[in-house]
Amino acid sequence: MTAYFSLPVLRRQRPGTFAVLIAATCLLMLLAAALTLALRGAAREVADAATARIFVQVIDADAIRRDATSDEVMTRLDRIAGLDSAHRVPQKEVRALVAPYIDSVSTIDLPLPVLIELRNADPKALMRAFRDLPTVRVTAAGAELGPLVRLIDALRTVSLGIALTAAIASGL
């Protein structure tokens, strides 16, 4: 009997109320679909950035040994196949990276590592190549971005769910 009484209530509403509801649902669906596509592109860009750049760090407090080890690293990098580019990051840039985090300490007084930036290299092959050098570390530039990629994927899934729910609600 409740269905019988609810039909006249729908007829007494202002004309166009249902159309506005459908339009709002369609708008939500379009916004969620656009968000899904934008997040897909963002996740792809973050993943590409995370895998394309690798840093080799030569960590030694003695400047002479650090420079000798970094020369040895550059020599070994010349023999690695499939490496697009390798260049030393100038110490001035390394100091500029560290300076905002150490207010009153002069960066000249710190034994900063030598950074060598690589493009499109295999991290496992690099770790094998420098296994015998204890002061050399190989790190992916975007290794810390893994949680961000997972968060973007989760947001993409949520926005896709909202788009599908709005589409189903519009269809009903």
N, C-alpha and C. Protein backbone atom coordinates (compact mmCIF):
# COMPACT_ATOMS: atom_id res chain seq x y z
N MET A 1 0.80 -1.17 0.00
CA MET A 1 0.00 0.00 0.00
C MET A 1 0.85 1.26 0.00
N THR A 2 2.05 1.15 0.50
CA THR A 2 2.92 2.32 0.52
C THR A 2 3.30 2.74 -0.89
N ALA A 3 3.37 1.79 -1.80
CA ALA A 3 3.70 2.14 -3.17
C ALA A 3 2.57 2.95 -3.80
N TYR A 4 1.35 2.64 -3.45
CA TYR A 4 0.21 3.35 -3.99
C TYR A 4 0.21 4.81 -3.56
N PHE A 5 0.56 5.07 -2.28
CA PHE A 5 0.55 6.44 -1.79
C PHE A 5 1.78 7.24 -2.25
N SER A 6 2.86 6.56 -2.59
CA SER A 6 4.08 7.28 -2.98
C SER A 6 3.97 7.81 -4.41
N LEU A 7 3.17 7.19 -5.25
CA LEU A 7 3.05 7.68 -6.62
C LEU A 7 2.41 9.06 -6.71
N PRO A 8 1.33 9.33 -6.00
CA PRO A 8 0.77 10.69 -6.06
C PRO A 8 1.74 11.74 -5.52
N VAL A 9 2.58 11.37 -4.56
CA VAL A 9 3.55 12.31 -4.02
C VAL A 9 4.52 12.72 -5.12
N LEU A 10 4.95 11.78 -5.93
CA LEU A 10 5.86 12.09 -7.04
C LEU A 10 5.18 13.00 -8.06
N ARG A 11 3.91 12.82 -8.28
CA ARG A 11 3.20 13.63 -9.27
C ARG A 11 3.02 15.07 -8.80
N ARG A 12 2.96 15.27 -7.47
CA ARG A 12 2.74 16.61 -6.95
C ARG A 12 4.03 17.44 -6.87
N GLN A 13 5.19 16.85 -7.14
CA GLN A 13 6.44 17.62 -7.09
C GLN A 13 6.50 18.58 -8.27
N ARG A 14 7.39 19.58 -8.13
CA ARG A 14 7.55 20.55 -9.20
C ARG A 14 8.06 19.84 -10.45
N PRO A 15 7.65 20.31 -11.60
CA PRO A 15 8.15 19.69 -12.83
C PRO A 15 9.64 19.94 -12.96
N GLY A 16 10.36 18.94 -13.37
CA GLY A 16 11.79 19.05 -13.59
C GLY A 16 12.65 18.63 -12.42
N THR A 17 12.06 18.27 -11.28
CA THR A 17 12.85 17.86 -10.11
C THR A 17 13.62 16.59 -10.41
N PHE A 18 12.97 15.65 -11.05
CA PHE A 18 13.63 14.39 -11.39
C PHE A 18 14.72 14.63 -12.43
N ALA A 19 14.48 15.54 -13.35
CA ALA A 19 15.49 15.85 -14.37
C ALA A 19 16.72 16.48 -13.73
N VAL A 20 16.51 17.32 -12.73
CA VAL A 20 17.64 17.93 -12.02
C VAL A 20 18.43 16.86 -11.27
N LEU A 21 17.75 15.92 -10.68
CA LEU A 21 18.41 14.82 -9.99
C LEU A 21 19.26 14.00 -10.96
N ILE A 22 18.71 13.68 -12.11
CA ILE A 22 19.46 12.93 -13.13
C ILE A 22 20.65 13.74 -13.63
N ALA A 23 20.46 15.04 -13.83
CA ALA A 23 21.56 15.90 -14.29
C ALA A 23 22.68 15.96 -13.26
N ALA A 24 22.32 16.06 -11.99
CA ALA A 24 23.34 16.08 -10.94
C ALA A 24 24.10 14.76 -10.87
N THR A 25 23.39 13.67 -11.02
CA THR A 25 24.03 12.36 -11.03
C THR A 25 24.97 12.22 -12.22
N CYS A 26 24.54 12.68 -13.37
CA CYS A 26 25.40 12.64 -14.56
C CYS A 26 26.64 13.51 -14.38
N LEU A 27 26.47 14.67 -13.75
CA LEU A 27 27.60 15.53 -13.50
C LEU A 27 28.60 14.85 -12.57
N LEU A 28 28.11 14.23 -11.51
CA LEU A 28 28.99 13.48 -10.61
C LEU A 28 29.71 12.36 -11.35
N MET A 29 28.99 11.69 -12.23
CA MET A 29 29.59 10.60 -12.99
C MET A 29 30.70 11.13 -13.89
N LEU A 30 30.46 12.24 -14.57
CA LEU A 30 31.48 12.82 -15.45
C LEU A 30 32.69 13.30 -14.68
N LEU A 31 32.46 13.93 -13.52
CA LEU A 31 33.58 14.38 -12.71
C LEU A 31 34.41 13.21 -12.20
N ALA A 32 33.76 12.15 -11.77
CA ALA A 32 34.48 10.98 -11.28
C ALA A 32 35.25 10.30 -12.41
N ALA A 33 34.65 10.25 -13.60
CA ALA A 33 35.36 9.66 -14.74
C ALA A 33 36.57 10.51 -15.13
N ALA A 34 36.42 11.83 -15.11
CA ALA A 34 37.55 12.71 -15.41
C ALA A 34 38.66 12.55 -14.37
N LEU A 35 38.29 12.43 -13.11
CA LEU A 35 39.27 12.21 -12.06
C LEU A 35 39.99 10.88 -12.25
N THR A 36 39.26 9.86 -12.65
CA THR A 36 39.87 8.56 -12.91
C THR A 36 40.91 8.66 -14.01
N LEU A 37 40.57 9.34 -15.09
CA LEU A 37 41.53 9.48 -16.19
C LEU A 37 42.74 10.33 -15.79
N ALA A 38 42.51 11.39 -15.05
CA ALA A 38 43.63 12.24 -14.62
C ALA A 38 44.55 11.48 -13.67
N LEU A 39 43.98 10.72 -12.75
CA LEU A 39 44.80 9.94 -11.83
C LEU A 39 45.56 8.83 -12.55
N ARG A 40 44.98 8.30 -13.59
CA ARG A 40 45.68 7.27 -14.37
C ARG A 40 46.95 7.85 -14.99
N GLY A 41 46.83 9.05 -15.56
CA GLY A 41 48.00 9.71 -16.14
C GLY A 41 49.04 10.07 -15.09
N ALA A 42 48.57 10.55 -13.93
CA ALA A 42 49.49 10.92 -12.86
C ALA A 42 50.23 9.70 -12.33
N ALA A 43 49.53 8.59 -12.17
CA ALA A 43 50.18 7.37 -11.68
C ALA A 43 51.23 6.89 -12.68
N ARG A 44 50.94 6.99 -13.95
CA ARG A 44 51.90 6.56 -14.97
C ARG A 44 53.15 7.44 -14.95
N GLU A 45 52.95 8.76 -14.81
CA GLU A 45 54.10 9.68 -14.77
C GLU A 45 54.95 9.46 -13.53
N VAL A 46 54.32 9.24 -12.39
CA VAL A 46 55.08 9.01 -11.16
C VAL A 46 55.84 7.69 -11.26
N ALA A 47 55.21 6.67 -11.79
CA ALA A 47 55.89 5.37 -11.93
C ALA A 47 57.06 5.47 -12.90
N ASP A 48 56.89 6.20 -14.00
CA ASP A 48 58.00 6.37 -14.94
C ASP A 48 59.15 7.14 -14.32
N ALA A 49 58.84 8.17 -13.56
CA ALA A 49 59.88 8.95 -12.90
C ALA A 49 60.59 8.11 -11.85
N ALA A 50 59.85 7.21 -11.21
CA ALA A 50 60.45 6.39 -10.16
C ALA A 50 61.42 5.36 -10.72
N THR A 51 61.19 4.90 -11.92
CA THR A 51 62.04 3.85 -12.46
C THR A 51 63.12 4.35 -13.39
N ALA A 52 63.01 5.56 -13.90
CA ALA A 52 63.96 6.03 -14.90
C ALA A 52 65.27 6.54 -14.31
N ARG A 53 65.24 7.12 -13.12
CA ARG A 53 66.44 7.72 -12.54
C ARG A 53 66.97 6.91 -11.39
N ILE A 54 68.29 6.72 -11.41
CA ILE A 54 68.98 5.99 -10.35
C ILE A 54 70.18 6.82 -9.92
N PHE A 55 70.44 6.82 -8.62
CA PHE A 55 71.60 7.52 -8.10
C PHE A 55 72.60 6.53 -7.55
N VAL A 56 73.86 6.74 -7.86
CA VAL A 56 74.96 6.02 -7.24
C VAL A 56 75.61 7.01 -6.30
N GLN A 57 75.71 6.64 -5.03
CA GLN A 57 76.30 7.52 -4.02
C GLN A 57 77.62 6.92 -3.56
N VAL A 58 78.64 7.73 -3.54
CA VAL A 58 79.93 7.32 -2.98
C VAL A 58 80.04 8.02 -1.63
N ILE A 59 79.96 7.21 -0.57
CA ILE A 59 79.90 7.75 0.78
C ILE A 59 81.21 7.41 1.49
N ASP A 60 82.02 8.42 1.70
CA ASP A 60 83.29 8.24 2.40
C ASP A 60 83.67 9.59 2.99
N ALA A 61 84.13 9.59 4.24
CA ALA A 61 84.50 10.85 4.90
C ALA A 61 85.81 11.40 4.35
N ASP A 62 86.69 10.52 3.88
CA ASP A 62 87.98 10.96 3.35
C ASP A 62 87.79 11.41 1.90
N ALA A 63 88.06 12.68 1.63
CA ALA A 63 87.82 13.25 0.29
C ALA A 63 88.66 12.58 -0.79
N ILE A 64 89.89 12.22 -0.47
CA ILE A 64 90.78 11.59 -1.47
C ILE A 64 90.25 10.21 -1.85
N ARG A 65 89.90 9.40 -0.86
CA ARG A 65 89.34 8.07 -1.16
C ARG A 65 88.00 8.19 -1.87
N ARG A 66 87.18 9.17 -1.46
CA ARG A 66 85.87 9.37 -2.09
C ARG A 66 86.03 9.71 -3.57
N ASP A 67 86.96 10.59 -3.90
CA ASP A 67 87.19 10.94 -5.30
C ASP A 67 87.75 9.77 -6.09
N ALA A 68 88.66 8.99 -5.49
CA ALA A 68 89.23 7.82 -6.17
C ALA A 68 88.15 6.77 -6.43
N THR A 69 87.29 6.57 -5.44
CA THR A 69 86.20 5.59 -5.60
C THR A 69 85.21 6.07 -6.66
N SER A 70 84.91 7.35 -6.69
CA SER A 70 83.97 7.86 -7.69
C SER A 70 84.57 7.76 -9.10
N ASP A 71 85.89 7.93 -9.24
CA ASP A 71 86.54 7.71 -10.54
C ASP A 71 86.42 6.25 -10.96
N GLU A 72 86.58 5.35 -10.00
CA GLU A 72 86.44 3.92 -10.29
C GLU A 72 84.99 3.60 -10.70
N VAL A 73 84.05 4.20 -10.03
CA VAL A 73 82.63 4.00 -10.37
C VAL A 73 82.36 4.46 -11.79
N MET A 74 82.85 5.64 -12.15
CA MET A 74 82.64 6.16 -13.51
C MET A 74 83.28 5.24 -14.56
N THR A 75 84.44 4.68 -14.24
CA THR A 75 85.09 3.74 -15.16
C THR A 75 84.24 2.49 -15.34
N ARG A 76 83.71 1.97 -14.26
CA ARG A 76 82.86 0.77 -14.35
C ARG A 76 81.55 1.08 -15.08
N LEU A 77 81.03 2.26 -14.89
CA LEU A 77 79.78 2.63 -15.57
C LEU A 77 79.96 2.68 -17.08
N ASP A 78 81.15 3.04 -17.54
CA ASP A 78 81.41 3.07 -18.98
C ASP A 78 81.30 1.68 -19.60
N ARG A 79 81.51 0.63 -18.78
CA ARG A 79 81.46 -0.74 -19.29
C ARG A 79 80.08 -1.39 -19.17
N ILE A 80 79.15 -0.72 -18.55
CA ILE A 80 77.81 -1.30 -18.37
C ILE A 80 76.97 -1.02 -19.61
N ALA A 81 76.41 -2.07 -20.17
CA ALA A 81 75.59 -1.94 -21.39
C ALA A 81 74.18 -1.48 -21.03
N GLY A 82 73.56 -0.74 -21.93
CA GLY A 82 72.18 -0.32 -21.77
C GLY A 82 71.99 0.93 -20.93
N LEU A 83 73.05 1.58 -20.54
CA LEU A 83 72.97 2.78 -19.73
C LEU A 83 72.85 3.99 -20.65
N ASP A 84 71.78 4.79 -20.48
CA ASP A 84 71.58 5.95 -21.35
C ASP A 84 72.56 7.07 -21.05
N SER A 85 72.66 7.45 -19.78
CA SER A 85 73.58 8.54 -19.42
C SER A 85 74.00 8.39 -17.97
N ALA A 86 75.18 8.91 -17.69
CA ALA A 86 75.71 8.93 -16.33
C ALA A 86 76.51 10.22 -16.17
N HIS A 87 76.20 10.99 -15.17
CA HIS A 87 76.99 12.20 -14.92
C HIS A 87 77.04 12.48 -13.42
N ARG A 88 78.17 13.02 -13.03
CA ARG A 88 78.35 13.41 -11.64
C ARG A 88 77.57 14.70 -11.37
N VAL A 89 76.90 14.70 -10.25
CA VAL A 89 76.23 15.91 -9.82
C VAL A 89 77.30 16.80 -9.18
N PRO A 90 77.45 18.03 -9.65
CA PRO A 90 78.48 18.91 -9.08
C PRO A 90 78.27 19.11 -7.57
N GLN A 91 79.37 19.21 -6.85
CA GLN A 91 79.30 19.37 -5.39
C GLN A 91 78.53 20.62 -5.00
N LYS A 92 78.57 21.63 -5.85
CA LYS A 92 77.82 22.86 -5.55
C LYS A 92 76.32 22.55 -5.49
N GLU A 93 75.84 21.69 -6.40
CA GLU A 93 74.42 21.31 -6.39
C GLU A 93 74.09 20.43 -5.19
N VAL A 94 75.02 19.54 -4.83
CA VAL A 94 74.80 18.68 -3.66
C VAL A 94 74.70 19.53 -2.41
N ARG A 95 75.57 20.52 -2.30
CA ARG A 95 75.52 21.43 -1.15
C ARG A 95 74.20 22.21 -1.13
N ALA A 96 73.75 22.62 -2.32
CA ALA A 96 72.49 23.36 -2.40
C ALA A 96 71.30 22.49 -1.99
N LEU A 97 71.38 21.18 -2.26
CA LEU A 97 70.31 20.27 -1.84
C LEU A 97 70.25 20.12 -0.32
N VAL A 98 71.41 20.15 0.32
CA VAL A 98 71.49 19.91 1.75
C VAL A 98 71.29 21.19 2.56
N ALA A 99 71.67 22.32 2.01
CA ALA A 99 71.69 23.60 2.75
C ALA A 99 70.39 23.94 3.47
N PRO A 100 69.21 23.75 2.89
CA PRO A 100 67.98 24.15 3.62
C PRO A 100 67.74 23.34 4.90
N TYR A 101 68.38 22.19 5.04
CA TYR A 101 68.11 21.32 6.19
C TYR A 101 69.10 21.51 7.33
N ILE A 102 70.16 22.30 7.11
CA ILE A 102 71.18 22.49 8.14
C ILE A 102 71.44 23.98 8.33
N ASP A 103 70.53 24.65 8.92
CA ASP A 103 70.52 26.11 9.03
C ASP A 103 71.88 26.77 9.21
N SER A 104 72.49 26.57 10.35
CA SER A 104 73.67 27.37 10.68
C SER A 104 75.00 26.70 10.33
N VAL A 105 74.98 25.45 9.93
CA VAL A 105 76.22 24.73 9.63
C VAL A 105 76.60 24.99 8.18
N SER A 106 77.86 25.26 7.96
CA SER A 106 78.35 25.47 6.60
C SER A 106 78.48 24.12 5.90
N THR A 107 77.99 24.04 4.67
CA THR A 107 78.05 22.77 3.93
C THR A 107 79.47 22.43 3.51
N ILE A 108 80.35 23.39 3.51
CA ILE A 108 81.75 23.11 3.16
C ILE A 108 82.40 22.24 4.23
N ASP A 109 81.93 22.34 5.46
CA ASP A 109 82.49 21.57 6.57
C ASP A 109 81.99 20.12 6.58
N LEU A 110 80.98 19.81 5.81
CA LEU A 110 80.40 18.47 5.82
C LEU A 110 81.01 17.58 4.74
N PRO A 111 81.27 16.31 5.06
CA PRO A 111 81.74 15.38 4.03
C PRO A 111 80.55 14.80 3.25
N LEU A 112 80.10 15.52 2.25
CA LEU A 112 78.94 15.10 1.47
C LEU A 112 79.33 14.02 0.47
N PRO A 113 78.41 13.12 0.16
CA PRO A 113 78.74 12.07 -0.81
C PRO A 113 78.84 12.61 -2.23
N VAL A 114 79.50 11.84 -3.06
CA VAL A 114 79.53 12.14 -4.49
C VAL A 114 78.29 11.47 -5.08
N LEU A 115 77.48 12.23 -5.79
CA LEU A 115 76.27 11.69 -6.42
C LEU A 115 76.50 11.55 -7.91
N ILE A 116 76.14 10.40 -8.44
CA ILE A 116 76.21 10.14 -9.88
C ILE A 116 74.80 9.77 -10.32
N GLU A 117 74.26 10.55 -11.22
CA GLU A 117 72.89 10.33 -11.69
C GLU A 117 72.92 9.50 -12.97
N LEU A 118 72.10 8.47 -12.99
CA LEU A 118 72.02 7.56 -14.14
C LEU A 118 70.61 7.57 -14.71
N ARG A 119 70.53 7.33 -16.00
CA ARG A 119 69.22 7.23 -16.67
C ARG A 119 69.09 5.85 -17.28
N ASN A 120 67.94 5.22 -17.02
CA ASN A 120 67.56 3.93 -17.61
C ASN A 120 68.65 2.88 -17.42
N ALA A 121 68.93 2.57 -16.17
CA ALA A 121 69.88 1.51 -15.85
C ALA A 121 69.17 0.46 -15.01
N ASP A 122 69.74 -0.74 -15.00
CA ASP A 122 69.19 -1.83 -14.21
C ASP A 122 69.80 -1.77 -12.81
N PRO A 123 68.99 -1.48 -11.78
CA PRO A 123 69.56 -1.35 -10.43
C PRO A 123 70.25 -2.62 -9.94
N LYS A 124 69.72 -3.78 -10.29
CA LYS A 124 70.32 -5.04 -9.83
C LYS A 124 71.69 -5.25 -10.47
N ALA A 125 71.80 -4.91 -11.76
CA ALA A 125 73.10 -5.02 -12.43
C ALA A 125 74.10 -4.05 -11.82
N LEU A 126 73.64 -2.87 -11.46
CA LEU A 126 74.54 -1.91 -10.83
C LEU A 126 74.99 -2.38 -9.46
N MET A 127 74.08 -2.96 -8.70
CA MET A 127 74.47 -3.46 -7.38
C MET A 127 75.50 -4.58 -7.50
N ARG A 128 75.34 -5.43 -8.52
CA ARG A 128 76.34 -6.47 -8.74
C ARG A 128 77.68 -5.87 -9.15
N ALA A 129 77.65 -4.82 -9.97
CA ALA A 129 78.89 -4.22 -10.46
C ALA A 129 79.68 -3.55 -9.34
N PHE A 130 78.98 -3.04 -8.32
CA PHE A 130 79.66 -2.32 -7.24
C PHE A 130 79.65 -3.07 -5.92
N ARG A 131 79.45 -4.38 -5.99
CA ARG A 131 79.37 -5.20 -4.79
C ARG A 131 80.66 -5.12 -3.97
N ASP A 132 81.81 -5.04 -4.64
CA ASP A 132 83.09 -5.05 -3.94
C ASP A 132 83.50 -3.68 -3.41
N LEU A 133 82.72 -2.65 -3.68
CA LEU A 133 83.02 -1.31 -3.18
C LEU A 133 82.07 -1.00 -2.02
N PRO A 134 82.56 -1.08 -0.77
CA PRO A 134 81.65 -0.93 0.38
C PRO A 134 81.09 0.48 0.57
N THR A 135 81.73 1.48 -0.01
CA THR A 135 81.26 2.85 0.19
C THR A 135 80.32 3.33 -0.91
N VAL A 136 79.89 2.42 -1.77
CA VAL A 136 79.02 2.78 -2.90
C VAL A 136 77.61 2.27 -2.62
N ARG A 137 76.63 3.16 -2.76
CA ARG A 137 75.21 2.81 -2.59
C ARG A 137 74.48 3.11 -3.89
N VAL A 138 73.62 2.18 -4.29
CA VAL A 138 72.79 2.36 -5.48
C VAL A 138 71.35 2.51 -5.01
N THR A 139 70.73 3.64 -5.35
CA THR A 139 69.35 3.88 -4.93
C THR A 139 68.53 4.38 -6.11
N ALA A 140 67.32 3.91 -6.19
CA ALA A 140 66.40 4.42 -7.21
C ALA A 140 65.91 5.78 -6.73
N ALA A 141 65.90 6.75 -7.63
CA ALA A 141 65.51 8.11 -7.27
C ALA A 141 64.08 8.16 -6.77
N GLY A 142 63.23 7.30 -7.29
CA GLY A 142 61.82 7.33 -6.90
C GLY A 142 61.42 6.18 -6.02
N ALA A 143 62.36 5.56 -5.35
CA ALA A 143 62.03 4.41 -4.50
C ALA A 143 61.05 4.80 -3.40
N GLU A 144 61.13 6.05 -2.96
CA GLU A 144 60.24 6.51 -1.90
C GLU A 144 58.85 6.83 -2.42
N LEU A 145 58.67 6.79 -3.72
CA LEU A 145 57.38 7.15 -4.31
C LEU A 145 56.40 5.97 -4.39
N GLY A 146 56.82 4.80 -3.96
CA GLY A 146 55.94 3.63 -3.99
C GLY A 146 54.62 3.84 -3.27
N PRO A 147 54.64 4.36 -2.03
CA PRO A 147 53.37 4.61 -1.35
C PRO A 147 52.49 5.63 -2.08
N LEU A 148 53.12 6.62 -2.72
CA LEU A 148 52.35 7.61 -3.48
C LEU A 148 51.65 6.96 -4.67
N VAL A 149 52.35 6.06 -5.35
CA VAL A 149 51.74 5.35 -6.48
C VAL A 149 50.56 4.51 -6.01
N ARG A 150 50.72 3.84 -4.87
CA ARG A 150 49.62 3.03 -4.33
C ARG A 150 48.43 3.91 -3.92
N LEU A 151 48.72 5.09 -3.36
CA LEU A 151 47.65 6.02 -2.99
C LEU A 151 46.90 6.50 -4.23
N ILE A 152 47.62 6.84 -5.27
CA ILE A 152 46.97 7.29 -6.51
C ILE A 152 46.12 6.17 -7.09
N ASP A 153 46.62 4.93 -7.05
CA ASP A 153 45.83 3.80 -7.54
C ASP A 153 44.56 3.62 -6.72
N ALA A 154 44.66 3.79 -5.40
CA ALA A 154 43.48 3.66 -4.54
C ALA A 154 42.47 4.76 -4.85
N LEU A 155 42.94 5.99 -5.02
CA LEU A 155 42.03 7.08 -5.37
C LEU A 155 41.38 6.86 -6.72
N ARG A 156 42.15 6.30 -7.64
CA ARG A 156 41.60 6.00 -8.96
C ARG A 156 40.49 4.95 -8.86
N THR A 157 40.70 3.95 -8.03
CA THR A 157 39.68 2.92 -7.83
C THR A 157 38.42 3.50 -7.20
N VAL A 158 38.60 4.39 -6.22
CA VAL A 158 37.44 5.02 -5.57
C VAL A 158 36.68 5.88 -6.58
N SER A 159 37.40 6.67 -7.37
CA SER A 159 36.70 7.53 -8.34
C SER A 159 36.01 6.70 -9.41
N LEU A 160 36.61 5.58 -9.80
CA LEU A 160 35.95 4.69 -10.76
C LEU A 160 34.68 4.10 -10.14
N GLY A 161 34.75 3.75 -8.86
CA GLY A 161 33.56 3.23 -8.18
C GLY A 161 32.45 4.27 -8.10
N ILE A 162 32.82 5.52 -7.85
CA ILE A 162 31.81 6.60 -7.82
C ILE A 162 31.18 6.77 -9.21
N ALA A 163 32.02 6.72 -10.24
CA ALA A 163 31.49 6.89 -11.61
C ALA A 163 30.54 5.75 -11.95
N LEU A 164 30.91 4.53 -11.60
CA LEU A 164 30.03 3.39 -11.89
C LEU A 164 28.73 3.46 -11.09
N THR A 165 28.83 3.87 -9.82
CA THR A 165 27.62 3.99 -9.00
C THR A 165 26.69 5.07 -9.57
N ALA A 166 27.26 6.19 -9.99
CA ALA A 166 26.43 7.24 -10.58
C ALA A 166 25.80 6.79 -11.90
N ALA A 167 26.57 6.01 -12.68
CA ALA A 167 26.02 5.52 -13.94
C ALA A 167 24.85 4.55 -13.70
N ILE A 168 25.02 3.69 -12.71
CA ILE A 168 23.95 2.73 -12.39
C ILE A 168 22.73 3.47 -11.84
N ALA A 169 22.97 4.47 -11.00
CA ALA A 169 21.84 5.24 -10.44
C ALA A 169 21.11 5.99 -11.55
N SER A 170 21.86 6.52 -12.51
CA SER A 170 21.21 7.22 -13.64
C SER A 170 20.41 6.25 -14.49
N GLY A 171 20.95 5.06 -14.66
CA GLY A 171 20.23 4.06 -15.47
C GLY A 171 18.96 3.57 -14.81
N LEU A 172 18.96 3.51 -13.51
CA LEU A 172 17.75 3.06 -12.80
C LEU A 172 16.69 4.13 -12.83
